[in-house]
Amino acid sequence: MSGGFALFIIGWIVIMITLMAIGGFFMFRKFLKRMPKEDGRSAIDWEEYYIEKTLHMWKPEQKELLEELVSPVPELFRDVAKQKIAGRIGQVALEQKSSRISEEIIIEGYILATPKRDHKFLIKKLEEKQIDITPYQPLFDR
């Protein structure tokens, strides 16, 4: 066996182990989100619950706004992000006992569902949409 072929095999093994580790990491995260909490429901179950309870409250304009807000998220993760954000928006709407999903509720839920590390992208997107973030400033500090 030549030295070049041996290096190729070793390189291939390293690449495969790396790819399997990355895939395993994301599968493990999904597994943890599916694990039931103290109340017997998982984080994903709650997201689905809030979406189901508020589905009738969404108008096409609000759905369009949500689509625009999640557009910076890479395509591969966009559906997961959209479900998480929509679940949080539904939770906010139910907590406020709202009869419809308003722009304010969408923005509040979007801010609460977005990790702190992504707030700069969120602020940039809201500024692009010419939405004043001043009333939502306390939400960024949570």
C-alpha atoms as a PDB file:
ATOM      1  CA  MET A   1       0.000   0.000   0.000  1.00  0.00           C
ATOM      2  CA  SER A   2       1.455   3.358  -0.974  1.00  0.00           C
ATOM      3  CA  GLY A   3       1.884   6.299   1.400  1.00  0.00           C
ATOM      4  CA  GLY A   4      -0.540   8.479  -0.603  1.00  0.00           C
ATOM      5  CA  PHE A   5      -3.302   5.881  -0.440  1.00  0.00           C
ATOM      6  CA  ALA A   6      -2.774   5.435   3.315  1.00  0.00           C
ATOM      7  CA  LEU A   7      -3.092   9.213   3.811  1.00  0.00           C
ATOM      8  CA  PHE A   8      -6.268   9.173   1.730  1.00  0.00           C
ATOM      9  CA  ILE A   9      -7.776   6.419   3.909  1.00  0.00           C
ATOM     10  CA  ILE A  10      -6.787   8.201   7.147  1.00  0.00           C
ATOM     11  CA  GLY A  11      -8.214  11.475   5.815  1.00  0.00           C
ATOM     12  CA  TRP A  12     -11.429   9.723   4.806  1.00  0.00           C
ATOM     13  CA  ILE A  13     -11.745   8.168   8.277  1.00  0.00           C
ATOM     14  CA  VAL A  14     -11.237  11.557   9.949  1.00  0.00           C
ATOM     15  CA  ILE A  15     -13.861  13.179   7.696  1.00  0.00           C
ATOM     16  CA  MET A  16     -16.394  10.399   8.336  1.00  0.00           C
ATOM     17  CA  ILE A  17     -15.888  10.491  12.121  1.00  0.00           C
ATOM     18  CA  THR A  18     -16.254  14.290  12.093  1.00  0.00           C
ATOM     19  CA  LEU A  19     -19.455  14.158  10.050  1.00  0.00           C
ATOM     20  CA  MET A  20     -20.897  11.424  12.270  1.00  0.00           C
ATOM     21  CA  ALA A  21     -20.047  13.460  15.393  1.00  0.00           C
ATOM     22  CA  ILE A  22     -21.756  16.554  13.997  1.00  0.00           C
ATOM     23  CA  GLY A  23     -24.846  14.549  13.015  1.00  0.00           C
ATOM     24  CA  GLY A  24     -24.888  12.836  16.401  1.00  0.00           C
ATOM     25  CA  PHE A  25     -24.704  16.184  18.170  1.00  0.00           C
ATOM     26  CA  PHE A  26     -27.779  17.498  16.345  1.00  0.00           C
ATOM     27  CA  MET A  27     -29.658  14.222  16.828  1.00  0.00           C
ATOM     28  CA  PHE A  28     -28.858  14.295  20.549  1.00  0.00           C
ATOM     29  CA  ARG A  29     -30.128  17.887  20.821  1.00  0.00           C
ATOM     30  CA  LYS A  30     -33.378  16.858  19.119  1.00  0.00           C
ATOM     31  CA  PHE A  31     -33.608  13.870  21.471  1.00  0.00           C
ATOM     32  CA  LEU A  32     -33.217  16.162  24.508  1.00  0.00           C
ATOM     33  CA  LYS A  33     -35.953  18.481  23.209  1.00  0.00           C
ATOM     34  CA  ARG A  34     -38.270  15.455  22.924  1.00  0.00           C
ATOM     35  CA  MET A  35     -37.628  14.364  26.521  1.00  0.00           C
ATOM     36  CA  PRO A  36     -40.635  15.043  28.770  1.00  0.00           C
ATOM     37  CA  LYS A  37     -40.203  17.707  31.458  1.00  0.00           C
ATOM     38  CA  GLU A  38     -41.732  17.683  34.965  1.00  0.00           C
ATOM     39  CA  ASP A  39     -45.178  18.406  33.524  1.00  0.00           C
ATOM     40  CA  GLY A  40     -45.030  15.356  31.243  1.00  0.00           C
ATOM     41  CA  ARG A  41     -44.642  17.336  28.003  1.00  0.00           C
ATOM     42  CA  SER A  42     -41.506  18.043  26.039  1.00  0.00           C
ATOM     43  CA  ALA A  43     -40.431  21.429  24.653  1.00  0.00           C
ATOM     44  CA  ILE A  44     -41.563  20.337  21.180  1.00  0.00           C
ATOM     45  CA  ASP A  45     -44.926  19.151  22.548  1.00  0.00           C
ATOM     46  CA  TRP A  46     -45.500  22.607  24.057  1.00  0.00           C
ATOM     47  CA  GLU A  47     -44.540  24.321  20.790  1.00  0.00           C
ATOM     48  CA  GLU A  48     -47.037  22.162  18.900  1.00  0.00           C
ATOM     49  CA  TYR A  49     -49.697  22.797  21.555  1.00  0.00           C
ATOM     50  CA  TYR A  50     -49.358  26.588  21.334  1.00  0.00           C
ATOM     51  CA  ILE A  51     -49.352  26.515  17.531  1.00  0.00           C
ATOM     52  CA  GLU A  52     -52.471  24.327  17.451  1.00  0.00           C
ATOM     53  CA  LYS A  53     -54.329  26.519  19.983  1.00  0.00           C
ATOM     54  CA  THR A  54     -53.568  29.750  18.097  1.00  0.00           C
ATOM     55  CA  LEU A  55     -53.687  28.576  14.489  1.00  0.00           C
ATOM     56  CA  HIS A  56     -57.095  30.193  13.925  1.00  0.00           C
ATOM     57  CA  MET A  57     -55.723  33.558  15.131  1.00  0.00           C
ATOM     58  CA  TRP A  58     -53.174  33.911  12.332  1.00  0.00           C
ATOM     59  CA  LYS A  59     -54.022  36.063   9.303  1.00  0.00           C
ATOM     60  CA  PRO A  60     -52.080  35.807   6.026  1.00  0.00           C
ATOM     61  CA  GLU A  61     -50.323  39.130   6.741  1.00  0.00           C
ATOM     62  CA  GLN A  62     -48.994  37.823  10.057  1.00  0.00           C
ATOM     63  CA  LYS A  63     -47.819  34.594   8.455  1.00  0.00           C
ATOM     64  CA  GLU A  64     -46.037  36.657   5.823  1.00  0.00           C
ATOM     65  CA  LEU A  65     -44.349  38.765   8.526  1.00  0.00           C
ATOM     66  CA  LEU A  66     -43.168  35.613  10.294  1.00  0.00           C
ATOM     67  CA  GLU A  67     -41.744  34.306   7.003  1.00  0.00           C
ATOM     68  CA  GLU A  68     -39.856  37.566   6.499  1.00  0.00           C
ATOM     69  CA  LEU A  69     -38.518  37.566  10.042  1.00  0.00           C
ATOM     70  CA  VAL A  70     -37.122  34.028   9.787  1.00  0.00           C
ATOM     71  CA  SER A  71     -35.623  34.634   6.334  1.00  0.00           C
ATOM     72  CA  PRO A  72     -32.094  35.279   7.759  1.00  0.00           C
ATOM     73  CA  VAL A  73     -32.076  31.763   9.256  1.00  0.00           C
ATOM     74  CA  PRO A  74     -30.259  29.279   6.984  1.00  0.00           C
ATOM     75  CA  GLU A  75     -32.687  27.260   4.857  1.00  0.00           C
ATOM     76  CA  LEU A  76     -31.710  24.002   6.555  1.00  0.00           C
ATOM     77  CA  PHE A  77     -32.834  25.235   9.989  1.00  0.00           C
ATOM     78  CA  ARG A  78     -35.645  27.580   8.932  1.00  0.00           C
ATOM     79  CA  ASP A  79     -38.552  25.170   9.531  1.00  0.00           C
ATOM     80  CA  VAL A  80     -37.318  24.329  13.030  1.00  0.00           C
ATOM     81  CA  ALA A  81     -36.787  28.023  13.823  1.00  0.00           C
ATOM     82  CA  LYS A  82     -40.203  28.919  12.451  1.00  0.00           C
ATOM     83  CA  GLN A  83     -41.898  26.274  14.609  1.00  0.00           C
ATOM     84  CA  LYS A  84     -40.049  27.416  17.728  1.00  0.00           C
ATOM     85  CA  ILE A  85     -40.856  31.093  17.075  1.00  0.00           C
ATOM     86  CA  ALA A  86     -44.491  30.407  16.152  1.00  0.00           C
ATOM     87  CA  GLY A  87     -44.872  28.344  19.329  1.00  0.00           C
ATOM     88  CA  ARG A  88     -43.495  31.174  21.423  1.00  0.00           C
ATOM     89  CA  ILE A  89     -45.748  33.696  19.638  1.00  0.00           C
ATOM     90  CA  GLY A  90     -48.724  31.441  20.383  1.00  0.00           C
ATOM     91  CA  GLN A  91     -47.687  31.220  24.026  1.00  0.00           C
ATOM     92  CA  VAL A  92     -47.465  35.026  24.277  1.00  0.00           C
ATOM     93  CA  ALA A  93     -50.875  35.410  22.605  1.00  0.00           C
ATOM     94  CA  LEU A  94     -52.509  32.943  24.997  1.00  0.00           C
ATOM     95  CA  GLU A  95     -50.853  34.516  28.046  1.00  0.00           C
ATOM     96  CA  GLN A  96     -52.147  37.929  26.963  1.00  0.00           C
ATOM     97  CA  LYS A  97     -55.576  36.401  26.257  1.00  0.00           C
ATOM     98  CA  SER A  98     -55.524  37.962  22.805  1.00  0.00           C
ATOM     99  CA  SER A  99     -58.182  37.148  20.247  1.00  0.00           C
ATOM    100  CA  ARG A 100     -55.803  37.593  17.324  1.00  0.00           C
ATOM    101  CA  ILE A 101     -52.098  37.583  16.548  1.00  0.00           C
ATOM    102  CA  SER A 102     -50.914  41.181  16.213  1.00  0.00           C
ATOM    103  CA  GLU A 103     -47.605  42.562  14.980  1.00  0.00           C
ATOM    104  CA  GLU A 104     -46.656  43.404  18.575  1.00  0.00           C
ATOM    105  CA  ILE A 105     -47.259  39.828  19.707  1.00  0.00           C
ATOM    106  CA  ILE A 106     -45.238  38.494  16.763  1.00  0.00           C
ATOM    107  CA  ILE A 107     -42.298  40.739  17.582  1.00  0.00           C
ATOM    108  CA  GLU A 108     -42.453  39.960  21.305  1.00  0.00           C
ATOM    109  CA  GLY A 109     -42.597  36.200  20.668  1.00  0.00           C
ATOM    110  CA  TYR A 110     -39.841  36.476  18.074  1.00  0.00           C
ATOM    111  CA  ILE A 111     -37.555  38.279  20.523  1.00  0.00           C
ATOM    112  CA  LEU A 112     -38.296  35.799  23.333  1.00  0.00           C
ATOM    113  CA  ALA A 113     -37.728  32.774  21.082  1.00  0.00           C
ATOM    114  CA  THR A 114     -34.462  34.052  19.637  1.00  0.00           C
ATOM    115  CA  PRO A 115     -31.228  33.197  21.474  1.00  0.00           C
ATOM    116  CA  LYS A 116     -29.262  36.202  22.784  1.00  0.00           C
ATOM    117  CA  ARG A 117     -26.384  35.494  20.396  1.00  0.00           C
ATOM    118  CA  ASP A 118     -28.729  36.132  17.449  1.00  0.00           C
ATOM    119  CA  HIS A 119     -30.262  39.370  18.742  1.00  0.00           C
ATOM    120  CA  LYS A 120     -28.008  41.514  16.522  1.00  0.00           C
ATOM    121  CA  PHE A 121     -29.452  39.805  13.415  1.00  0.00           C
ATOM    122  CA  LEU A 122     -32.936  40.194  14.842  1.00  0.00           C
ATOM    123  CA  ILE A 123     -32.441  43.924  15.476  1.00  0.00           C
ATOM    124  CA  LYS A 124     -31.027  44.363  11.975  1.00  0.00           C
ATOM    125  CA  LYS A 125     -34.053  42.617  10.462  1.00  0.00           C
ATOM    126  CA  LEU A 126     -36.510  44.710  12.512  1.00  0.00           C
ATOM    127  CA  GLU A 127     -34.712  47.899  11.459  1.00  0.00           C
ATOM    128  CA  GLU A 128     -34.921  46.783   7.806  1.00  0.00           C
ATOM    129  CA  LYS A 129     -38.684  46.432   8.294  1.00  0.00           C
ATOM    130  CA  GLN A 130     -38.690  49.920   9.896  1.00  0.00           C
ATOM    131  CA  ILE A 131     -40.056  48.597  13.171  1.00  0.00           C
ATOM    132  CA  ASP A 132     -39.204  50.651  16.265  1.00  0.00           C
ATOM    133  CA  ILE A 133     -37.523  48.399  18.826  1.00  0.00           C
ATOM    134  CA  THR A 134     -37.686  50.913  21.697  1.00  0.00           C
ATOM    135  CA  PRO A 135     -40.835  49.416  23.298  1.00  0.00           C
ATOM    136  CA  TYR A 136     -39.256  45.950  23.132  1.00  0.00           C
ATOM    137  CA  GLN A 137     -35.919  46.909  24.715  1.00  0.00           C
ATOM    138  CA  PRO A 138     -36.693  45.226  28.086  1.00  0.00           C
ATOM    139  CA  LEU A 139     -37.230  41.925  26.224  1.00  0.00           C
ATOM    140  CA  PHE A 140     -33.674  42.050  24.864  1.00  0.00           C
ATOM    141  CA  ASP A 141     -32.320  42.366  28.405  1.00  0.00           C
ATOM    142  CA  ARG A 142     -33.934  39.135  29.658  1.00  0.00           C
END
